[in-house]
Every structure is written in C-alpha cells, then in structure tokens.
Amino acid sequence: MSDQTFVDVDVARIDDARLGRTGVPEVVYGAGKTADQTRLALRALYERNGFALATRVDPDEGAALARSLPEGVWNAPARAVRCGTLPASGRYIAVLCAGTSDLPVTEEAAFTLEAFGHTVVRRRDVGVAGIHRLFSDFAEVEACDVVIVVAGMEGALPSVVAGLVAAPVIAVPTSVGYGAAFEGLAALLGMLNACAPGIAVVNIDNGFGAAAMAHKIVRARHAGAVTA
C-alpha cells in the first residue's frame, strides 16, 4: 500500500487512488458539508480522475454548485452532483422503484450508476399493491446484468422480483411508511427475511451503496470488458 496516495485539500484528504484500487472512486458525501467544502473536494477529484460525484447535497445549493464545476450536472431528486462520467461500460442495470415516495433513493442509485458509465433501465411505481404494473415491458428488466429494487412499507417487492429474474437482486429499504414501518426498519427486516434466494440488502435509504455494489458485480462478471 506504500504506492497509494491521497491529496490534502485542507477540508479533506482525497483518496485519488481509490478508483484504480477498488474500481469504485471516492465519492463526496455532501451532508454536513458546506457548498465550498463540497466544491473543493469535487474539483480535486475531477482534476485527478476526470470524474467526481457528490451525494446528499443540500437541495438549496445543488444547482449553483453544479454550475460552478466543470461538466457539472445537478440531479435534484437524487440530491447529487457529478462532474463528467466514467467510461461507458456497455452494461445495463435495472433500478425499480416501488412507489413515488421512494424516488429520492431510487434516483440516487440510478444517477450514480449513470455517472459510473452504465445504462440504467428505470421502472417507477411498480409496487406490490398493483403488481400487474411490474410486468409492463418486463423483458428489458430481465435482460439486465443486475436489478436494484427500492421499496419502503413492508419491503416486499425485492422478493417478488428475485423470484422472476436470473440476475442478482440488490434490495434497498427506504424510510417510507406509516408508524409501524419504524423509519425503514420493517422494510429492512422484510428484505433480510425474503424467501427468494439471490438477494443482497443494503442499509436503509442507501441508494448509493446499492449502485456501488451493482457496479462491482458488473465489473466482476465482465472482467476485461469494463474499463472503469
């Protein structure tokens, strides 16, 4: 590890070697940071990797932050800013959203995947209360390398999807739901106890974590074909 470096930008020590070491670049977690702190970190990453991404950016600051950065793009639903993208992978990853209230977490996953160079197949509002909606143009989902399923309430959708597709399923519980949902705990436990095999579960509201896992799965499955 002696050949690994980092860059001190006063507010942070930027791990500019992480992309080469792990395949997943360092990503700035914007919550709790000022716009200036996030901007400094993003610029440092962009200068070294030609790419930078920040999640959980203050919605009141995101658009202005993106305008101040090279190749800056602001995604309001995802609360994320990116500068550039990693090279295109040629791979397809599905991101399914159980309900409209789950969209912020869903878009965090989808925007991250697109920044990482993947093509995202989005399906919104396909929760189990109207399960027939899931099967509209489902063949495109079945053809994807990985499927991310985002759901709150009782978190049932990932188990349904995992029983239908050959691809690995990554389940993302959200904090959406009434009192007994316990801010996502019910969905988390439901996903952990799913009867369908082949499901991995990330933390509550962790769309970025699901995207990073999907990215690593795709890289491992297509070693030598993915350039980022």
C-alpha atoms as a PDB file:
ATOM      1  CA  MET A   1       0.000   0.000   0.000  1.00  0.00           C
ATOM      2  CA  SER A   2       3.007   2.312   0.104  1.00  0.00           C
ATOM      3  CA  ASP A   3       2.408   3.400  -3.502  1.00  0.00           C
ATOM      4  CA  GLN A   4      -1.098   4.655  -2.735  1.00  0.00           C
ATOM      5  CA  THR A   5      -1.541   8.405  -2.434  1.00  0.00           C
ATOM      6  CA  PHE A   6      -4.011  10.946  -1.189  1.00  0.00           C
ATOM      7  CA  VAL A   7      -4.397  14.656  -1.805  1.00  0.00           C
ATOM      8  CA  ASP A   8      -4.780  17.093   1.094  1.00  0.00           C
ATOM      9  CA  VAL A   9      -7.208  19.860   0.108  1.00  0.00           C
ATOM     10  CA  ASP A  10      -7.441  21.343   3.600  1.00  0.00           C
ATOM     11  CA  VAL A  11     -11.060  20.292   4.210  1.00  0.00           C
ATOM     12  CA  ALA A  12     -10.429  16.640   3.285  1.00  0.00           C
ATOM     13  CA  ARG A  13      -7.815  14.093   2.319  1.00  0.00           C
ATOM     14  CA  ILE A  14      -8.883  12.945  -1.124  1.00  0.00           C
ATOM     15  CA  ASP A  15      -8.242   9.281  -1.893  1.00  0.00           C
ATOM     16  CA  ASP A  16      -7.453   9.793  -5.584  1.00  0.00           C
ATOM     17  CA  ALA A  17      -6.151   6.217  -5.951  1.00  0.00           C
ATOM     18  CA  ARG A  18      -9.394   4.532  -4.856  1.00  0.00           C
ATOM     19  CA  LEU A  19     -10.758   4.164  -8.384  1.00  0.00           C
ATOM     20  CA  GLY A  20      -7.710   2.203  -9.517  1.00  0.00           C
ATOM     21  CA  ARG A  21      -7.511   0.216  -6.277  1.00  0.00           C
ATOM     22  CA  THR A  22     -11.155  -0.830  -5.885  1.00  0.00           C
ATOM     23  CA  GLY A  23     -12.921   0.073  -9.129  1.00  0.00           C
ATOM     24  CA  VAL A  24     -15.213   2.471  -7.233  1.00  0.00           C
ATOM     25  CA  PRO A  25     -13.998   6.071  -6.978  1.00  0.00           C
ATOM     26  CA  GLU A  26     -14.138   8.113  -3.818  1.00  0.00           C
ATOM     27  CA  VAL A  27     -17.484   9.893  -3.712  1.00  0.00           C
ATOM     28  CA  VAL A  28     -18.116  13.020  -1.663  1.00  0.00           C
ATOM     29  CA  TYR A  29     -20.830  12.707   0.998  1.00  0.00           C
ATOM     30  CA  GLY A  30     -22.349  16.177   0.925  1.00  0.00           C
ATOM     31  CA  ALA A  31     -24.481  16.046   4.093  1.00  0.00           C
ATOM     32  CA  GLY A  32     -22.991  18.250   6.800  1.00  0.00           C
ATOM     33  CA  LYS A  33     -20.568  19.931   4.403  1.00  0.00           C
ATOM     34  CA  THR A  34     -20.765  23.499   3.153  1.00  0.00           C
ATOM     35  CA  ALA A  35     -21.032  24.120  -0.582  1.00  0.00           C
ATOM     36  CA  ASP A  36     -17.436  25.392  -0.586  1.00  0.00           C
ATOM     37  CA  GLN A  37     -16.147  22.239   1.119  1.00  0.00           C
ATOM     38  CA  THR A  38     -18.003  20.020  -1.351  1.00  0.00           C
ATOM     39  CA  ARG A  39     -16.794  22.117  -4.301  1.00  0.00           C
ATOM     40  CA  LEU A  40     -13.159  21.864  -3.188  1.00  0.00           C
ATOM     41  CA  ALA A  41     -13.341  18.094  -2.840  1.00  0.00           C
ATOM     42  CA  LEU A  42     -15.123  17.639  -6.174  1.00  0.00           C
ATOM     43  CA  ARG A  43     -12.602  19.805  -8.013  1.00  0.00           C
ATOM     44  CA  ALA A  44      -9.700  17.840  -6.542  1.00  0.00           C
ATOM     45  CA  LEU A  45     -11.235  14.528  -7.612  1.00  0.00           C
ATOM     46  CA  TYR A  46     -12.127  15.809 -11.073  1.00  0.00           C
ATOM     47  CA  GLU A  47      -8.628  17.163 -11.681  1.00  0.00           C
ATOM     48  CA  ARG A  48      -7.104  13.759 -10.918  1.00  0.00           C
ATOM     49  CA  ASN A  49      -9.696  11.312 -12.250  1.00  0.00           C
ATOM     50  CA  GLY A  50     -11.629  13.352 -14.823  1.00  0.00           C
ATOM     51  CA  PHE A  51     -14.715  12.475 -12.801  1.00  0.00           C
ATOM     52  CA  ALA A  52     -16.308  13.405  -9.477  1.00  0.00           C
ATOM     53  CA  LEU A  53     -19.594  12.719  -7.709  1.00  0.00           C
ATOM     54  CA  ALA A  54     -21.219  14.086  -4.552  1.00  0.00           C
ATOM     55  CA  THR A  55     -24.337  12.638  -2.903  1.00  0.00           C
ATOM     56  CA  ARG A  56     -26.723  14.070  -0.298  1.00  0.00           C
ATOM     57  CA  VAL A  57     -26.057  17.633  -1.391  1.00  0.00           C
ATOM     58  CA  ASP A  58     -28.186  20.403   0.154  1.00  0.00           C
ATOM     59  CA  PRO A  59     -31.071  20.911  -2.315  1.00  0.00           C
ATOM     60  CA  ASP A  60     -30.797  24.692  -1.923  1.00  0.00           C
ATOM     61  CA  GLU A  61     -27.162  24.626  -3.060  1.00  0.00           C
ATOM     62  CA  GLY A  62     -27.055  21.850  -5.661  1.00  0.00           C
ATOM     63  CA  ALA A  63     -27.863  23.777  -8.843  1.00  0.00           C
ATOM     64  CA  ALA A  64     -25.420  26.593  -8.093  1.00  0.00           C
ATOM     65  CA  LEU A  65     -22.754  24.088  -7.092  1.00  0.00           C
ATOM     66  CA  ALA A  66     -23.088  22.238 -10.402  1.00  0.00           C
ATOM     67  CA  ARG A  67     -22.820  25.490 -12.374  1.00  0.00           C
ATOM     68  CA  SER A  68     -19.535  26.302 -10.642  1.00  0.00           C
ATOM     69  CA  LEU A  69     -17.901  22.995 -11.617  1.00  0.00           C
ATOM     70  CA  PRO A  70     -16.510  21.617 -14.898  1.00  0.00           C
ATOM     71  CA  GLU A  71     -19.051  19.339 -16.614  1.00  0.00           C
ATOM     72  CA  GLY A  72     -21.279  19.879 -13.592  1.00  0.00           C
ATOM     73  CA  VAL A  73     -24.710  18.202 -13.581  1.00  0.00           C
ATOM     74  CA  TRP A  74     -27.279  18.553 -10.779  1.00  0.00           C
ATOM     75  CA  ASN A  75     -29.936  15.874 -10.218  1.00  0.00           C
ATOM     76  CA  ALA A  76     -32.495  17.361  -7.841  1.00  0.00           C
ATOM     77  CA  PRO A  77     -34.455  14.172  -6.971  1.00  0.00           C
ATOM     78  CA  ALA A  78     -31.166  12.330  -6.266  1.00  0.00           C
ATOM     79  CA  ARG A  79     -29.704  15.320  -4.378  1.00  0.00           C
ATOM     80  CA  ALA A  80     -26.457  14.610  -6.229  1.00  0.00           C
ATOM     81  CA  VAL A  81     -23.915  16.485  -8.351  1.00  0.00           C
ATOM     82  CA  ARG A  82     -21.485  14.935 -10.814  1.00  0.00           C
ATOM     83  CA  CYS A  83     -18.645  16.249 -12.946  1.00  0.00           C
ATOM     84  CA  GLY A  84     -18.196  14.089 -16.036  1.00  0.00           C
ATOM     85  CA  THR A  85     -18.735  10.338 -16.143  1.00  0.00           C
ATOM     86  CA  LEU A  86     -16.586   7.245 -16.099  1.00  0.00           C
ATOM     87  CA  PRO A  87     -16.131   5.464 -19.461  1.00  0.00           C
ATOM     88  CA  ALA A  88     -19.231   3.729 -20.804  1.00  0.00           C
ATOM     89  CA  SER A  89     -19.399   0.076 -19.729  1.00  0.00           C
ATOM     90  CA  GLY A  90     -21.948  -1.130 -22.263  1.00  0.00           C
ATOM     91  CA  ARG A  91     -23.806  -2.838 -19.412  1.00  0.00           C
ATOM     92  CA  TYR A  92     -27.439  -2.474 -18.361  1.00  0.00           C
ATOM     93  CA  ILE A  93     -28.641  -2.268 -14.764  1.00  0.00           C
ATOM     94  CA  ALA A  94     -32.302  -2.021 -13.794  1.00  0.00           C
ATOM     95  CA  VAL A  95     -33.489   0.235 -10.980  1.00  0.00           C
ATOM     96  CA  LEU A  96     -37.037  -0.481  -9.839  1.00  0.00           C
ATOM     97  CA  CYS A  97     -38.996   1.843  -7.573  1.00  0.00           C
ATOM     98  CA  ALA A  98     -41.939   0.512  -5.574  1.00  0.00           C
ATOM     99  CA  GLY A  99     -43.629   3.896  -5.093  1.00  0.00           C
ATOM    100  CA  THR A 100     -43.189   7.547  -5.983  1.00  0.00           C
ATOM    101  CA  SER A 101     -42.223   8.312  -2.372  1.00  0.00           C
ATOM    102  CA  ASP A 102     -39.153   6.112  -2.880  1.00  0.00           C
ATOM    103  CA  LEU A 103     -37.894   8.221  -5.810  1.00  0.00           C
ATOM    104  CA  PRO A 104     -35.133  10.154  -3.980  1.00  0.00           C
ATOM    105  CA  VAL A 105     -33.358   6.919  -3.042  1.00  0.00           C
ATOM    106  CA  THR A 106     -34.122   5.391  -6.442  1.00  0.00           C
ATOM    107  CA  GLU A 107     -32.656   8.363  -8.297  1.00  0.00           C
ATOM    108  CA  GLU A 108     -29.570   8.369  -6.068  1.00  0.00           C
ATOM    109  CA  ALA A 109     -28.892   4.808  -7.245  1.00  0.00           C
ATOM    110  CA  ALA A 110     -29.727   5.499 -10.896  1.00  0.00           C
ATOM    111  CA  PHE A 111     -27.751   8.757 -11.121  1.00  0.00           C
ATOM    112  CA  THR A 112     -24.729   7.100  -9.513  1.00  0.00           C
ATOM    113  CA  LEU A 113     -24.868   4.193 -11.965  1.00  0.00           C
ATOM    114  CA  GLU A 114     -25.076   6.564 -14.924  1.00  0.00           C
ATOM    115  CA  ALA A 115     -22.118   8.519 -13.548  1.00  0.00           C
ATOM    116  CA  PHE A 116     -20.226   5.210 -13.319  1.00  0.00           C
ATOM    117  CA  GLY A 117     -20.823   4.621 -17.040  1.00  0.00           C
ATOM    118  CA  HIS A 118     -23.741   2.176 -17.020  1.00  0.00           C
ATOM    119  CA  THR A 119     -27.066   2.325 -18.845  1.00  0.00           C
ATOM    120  CA  VAL A 120     -29.969   2.377 -16.397  1.00  0.00           C
ATOM    121  CA  VAL A 121     -33.352   0.784 -17.082  1.00  0.00           C
ATOM    122  CA  ARG A 122     -35.804   2.634 -14.824  1.00  0.00           C
ATOM    123  CA  ARG A 123     -39.184   1.323 -13.709  1.00  0.00           C
ATOM    124  CA  ARG A 124     -41.175   3.548 -11.346  1.00  0.00           C
ATOM    125  CA  ASP A 125     -44.251   2.913  -9.214  1.00  0.00           C
ATOM    126  CA  VAL A 126     -44.331  -0.878  -9.643  1.00  0.00           C
ATOM    127  CA  GLY A 127     -45.040  -1.851  -6.024  1.00  0.00           C
ATOM    128  CA  VAL A 128     -46.879  -4.984  -4.958  1.00  0.00           C
ATOM    129  CA  ALA A 129     -50.197  -3.198  -4.302  1.00  0.00           C
ATOM    130  CA  GLY A 130     -50.592  -3.131  -8.096  1.00  0.00           C
ATOM    131  CA  ILE A 131     -48.213  -5.896  -9.082  1.00  0.00           C
ATOM    132  CA  HIS A 132     -49.506  -6.007 -12.683  1.00  0.00           C
ATOM    133  CA  ARG A 133     -47.628  -2.734 -13.293  1.00  0.00           C
ATOM    134  CA  LEU A 134     -44.339  -4.600 -12.837  1.00  0.00           C
ATOM    135  CA  PHE A 135     -44.926  -6.754 -15.896  1.00  0.00           C
ATOM    136  CA  SER A 136     -45.303  -3.921 -18.387  1.00  0.00           C
ATOM    137  CA  ASP A 137     -42.243  -4.248 -20.678  1.00  0.00           C
ATOM    138  CA  PHE A 138     -40.589  -6.551 -18.106  1.00  0.00           C
ATOM    139  CA  ALA A 139     -38.371  -8.254 -20.706  1.00  0.00           C
ATOM    140  CA  GLU A 140     -35.993  -5.291 -20.649  1.00  0.00           C
ATOM    141  CA  VAL A 141     -35.583  -5.704 -16.883  1.00  0.00           C
ATOM    142  CA  GLU A 142     -34.960  -9.460 -17.230  1.00  0.00           C
ATOM    143  CA  ALA A 143     -32.139  -8.760 -19.684  1.00  0.00           C
ATOM    144  CA  CYS A 144     -30.179  -6.566 -17.241  1.00  0.00           C
ATOM    145  CA  ASP A 145     -26.946  -7.659 -15.548  1.00  0.00           C
ATOM    146  CA  VAL A 146     -28.149  -6.582 -12.070  1.00  0.00           C
ATOM    147  CA  VAL A 147     -31.509  -5.419 -10.706  1.00  0.00           C
ATOM    148  CA  ILE A 148     -31.778  -2.881  -7.882  1.00  0.00           C
ATOM    149  CA  VAL A 149     -35.168  -2.810  -6.150  1.00  0.00           C
ATOM    150  CA  VAL A 150     -36.081   0.131  -3.909  1.00  0.00           C
ATOM    151  CA  ALA A 151     -39.076  -0.173  -1.568  1.00  0.00           C
ATOM    152  CA  GLY A 152     -40.448   1.078   1.715  1.00  0.00           C
ATOM    153  CA  MET A 153     -43.517  -0.004   3.720  1.00  0.00           C
ATOM    154  CA  GLU A 154     -43.157  -3.805   4.187  1.00  0.00           C
ATOM    155  CA  GLY A 155     -40.396  -4.089   1.578  1.00  0.00           C
ATOM    156  CA  ALA A 156     -41.991  -6.978  -0.351  1.00  0.00           C
ATOM    157  CA  LEU A 157     -41.034  -6.066  -3.917  1.00  0.00           C
ATOM    158  CA  PRO A 158     -37.428  -7.411  -3.985  1.00  0.00           C
ATOM    159  CA  SER A 159     -38.603 -10.919  -3.081  1.00  0.00           C
ATOM    160  CA  VAL A 160     -41.113 -10.876  -5.943  1.00  0.00           C
ATOM    161  CA  VAL A 161     -38.512  -9.654  -8.438  1.00  0.00           C
ATOM    162  CA  ALA A 162     -35.847 -12.131  -7.267  1.00  0.00           C
ATOM    163  CA  GLY A 163     -38.290 -14.954  -7.968  1.00  0.00           C
ATOM    164  CA  LEU A 164     -38.561 -13.828 -11.597  1.00  0.00           C
ATOM    165  CA  VAL A 165     -35.099 -12.806 -12.826  1.00  0.00           C
ATOM    166  CA  ALA A 166     -31.778 -14.605 -13.235  1.00  0.00           C
ATOM    167  CA  ALA A 167     -29.713 -11.516 -12.381  1.00  0.00           C
ATOM    168  CA  PRO A 168     -28.576 -10.727  -8.813  1.00  0.00           C
ATOM    169  CA  VAL A 169     -31.047  -8.501  -6.968  1.00  0.00           C
ATOM    170  CA  ILE A 170     -29.941  -5.715  -4.635  1.00  0.00           C
ATOM    171  CA  ALA A 171     -32.672  -4.615  -2.242  1.00  0.00           C
ATOM    172  CA  VAL A 172     -32.794  -1.086  -0.836  1.00  0.00           C
ATOM    173  CA  PRO A 173     -35.190  -0.462   2.063  1.00  0.00           C
ATOM    174  CA  THR A 174     -36.432   3.101   2.388  1.00  0.00           C
ATOM    175  CA  SER A 175     -37.699   5.009   5.399  1.00  0.00           C
ATOM    176  CA  VAL A 176     -41.100   5.436   3.718  1.00  0.00           C
ATOM    177  CA  GLY A 177     -44.123   4.105   5.601  1.00  0.00           C
ATOM    178  CA  TYR A 178     -46.547   4.610   8.469  1.00  0.00           C
ATOM    179  CA  GLY A 179     -45.654   4.287  12.139  1.00  0.00           C
ATOM    180  CA  ALA A 180     -45.051   0.551  12.316  1.00  0.00           C
ATOM    181  CA  ALA A 181     -42.614   0.865   9.397  1.00  0.00           C
ATOM    182  CA  PHE A 182     -40.220   2.284  12.030  1.00  0.00           C
ATOM    183  CA  GLU A 183     -38.482   4.576   9.523  1.00  0.00           C
ATOM    184  CA  GLY A 184     -37.451   1.714   7.261  1.00  0.00           C
ATOM    185  CA  LEU A 185     -36.698  -0.969   9.835  1.00  0.00           C
ATOM    186  CA  ALA A 186     -39.745  -3.032   8.811  1.00  0.00           C
ATOM    187  CA  ALA A 187     -38.674  -2.960   5.151  1.00  0.00           C
ATOM    188  CA  LEU A 188     -35.083  -3.800   6.086  1.00  0.00           C
ATOM    189  CA  LEU A 189     -36.121  -6.830   8.145  1.00  0.00           C
ATOM    190  CA  GLY A 190     -38.573  -7.951   5.480  1.00  0.00           C
ATOM    191  CA  MET A 191     -35.854  -7.865   2.820  1.00  0.00           C
ATOM    192  CA  LEU A 192     -33.386  -9.689   5.048  1.00  0.00           C
ATOM    193  CA  ASN A 193     -36.016 -12.399   5.585  1.00  0.00           C
ATOM    194  CA  ALA A 194     -37.063 -12.671   1.932  1.00  0.00           C
ATOM    195  CA  CYS A 195     -37.734 -16.234   0.814  1.00  0.00           C
ATOM    196  CA  ALA A 196     -36.405 -15.750  -2.724  1.00  0.00           C
ATOM    197  CA  PRO A 197     -32.665 -16.541  -2.976  1.00  0.00           C
ATOM    198  CA  GLY A 198     -30.124 -14.277  -4.610  1.00  0.00           C
ATOM    199  CA  ILE A 199     -30.938 -11.029  -2.790  1.00  0.00           C
ATOM    200  CA  ALA A 200     -28.351  -8.741  -1.206  1.00  0.00           C
ATOM    201  CA  VAL A 201     -29.617  -5.991   1.111  1.00  0.00           C
ATOM    202  CA  VAL A 202     -28.034  -2.602   1.758  1.00  0.00           C
ATOM    203  CA  ASN A 203     -28.754  -0.109   4.514  1.00  0.00           C
ATOM    204  CA  ILE A 204     -31.913   1.985   4.785  1.00  0.00           C
ATOM    205  CA  ASP A 205     -32.098   4.730   2.113  1.00  0.00           C
ATOM    206  CA  ASN A 206     -28.653   3.751   0.780  1.00  0.00           C
ATOM    207  CA  GLY A 207     -29.161   4.152  -2.953  1.00  0.00           C
ATOM    208  CA  PHE A 208     -25.503   4.968  -3.459  1.00  0.00           C
ATOM    209  CA  GLY A 209     -24.397   1.774  -1.701  1.00  0.00           C
ATOM    210  CA  ALA A 210     -26.659  -0.307  -3.943  1.00  0.00           C
ATOM    211  CA  ALA A 211     -25.213   1.361  -7.040  1.00  0.00           C
ATOM    212  CA  ALA A 212     -21.643   0.741  -5.879  1.00  0.00           C
ATOM    213  CA  MET A 213     -22.413  -2.944  -5.277  1.00  0.00           C
ATOM    214  CA  ALA A 214     -24.090  -3.302  -8.685  1.00  0.00           C
ATOM    215  CA  HIS A 215     -21.070  -1.649 -10.307  1.00  0.00           C
ATOM    216  CA  LYS A 216     -18.704  -4.111  -8.635  1.00  0.00           C
ATOM    217  CA  ILE A 217     -20.857  -7.100  -9.640  1.00  0.00           C
ATOM    218  CA  VAL A 218     -20.860  -5.971 -13.271  1.00  0.00           C
ATOM    219  CA  ARG A 219     -17.095  -5.427 -13.230  1.00  0.00           C
ATOM    220  CA  ALA A 220     -16.503  -8.891 -11.754  1.00  0.00           C
ATOM    221  CA  ARG A 221     -18.847 -10.618 -14.218  1.00  0.00           C
ATOM    222  CA  HIS A 222     -17.321  -8.894 -17.219  1.00  0.00           C
ATOM    223  CA  ALA A 223     -13.681  -8.586 -16.198  1.00  0.00           C
ATOM    224  CA  GLY A 224     -11.658  -7.158 -19.024  1.00  0.00           C
ATOM    225  CA  ALA A 225     -14.714  -5.767 -20.788  1.00  0.00           C
ATOM    226  CA  VAL A 226     -15.428  -2.917 -18.366  1.00  0.00           C
ATOM    227  CA  THR A 227     -12.957  -0.070 -18.493  1.00  0.00           C
ATOM    228  CA  ALA A 228     -13.835   1.748 -15.262  1.00  0.00           C
END
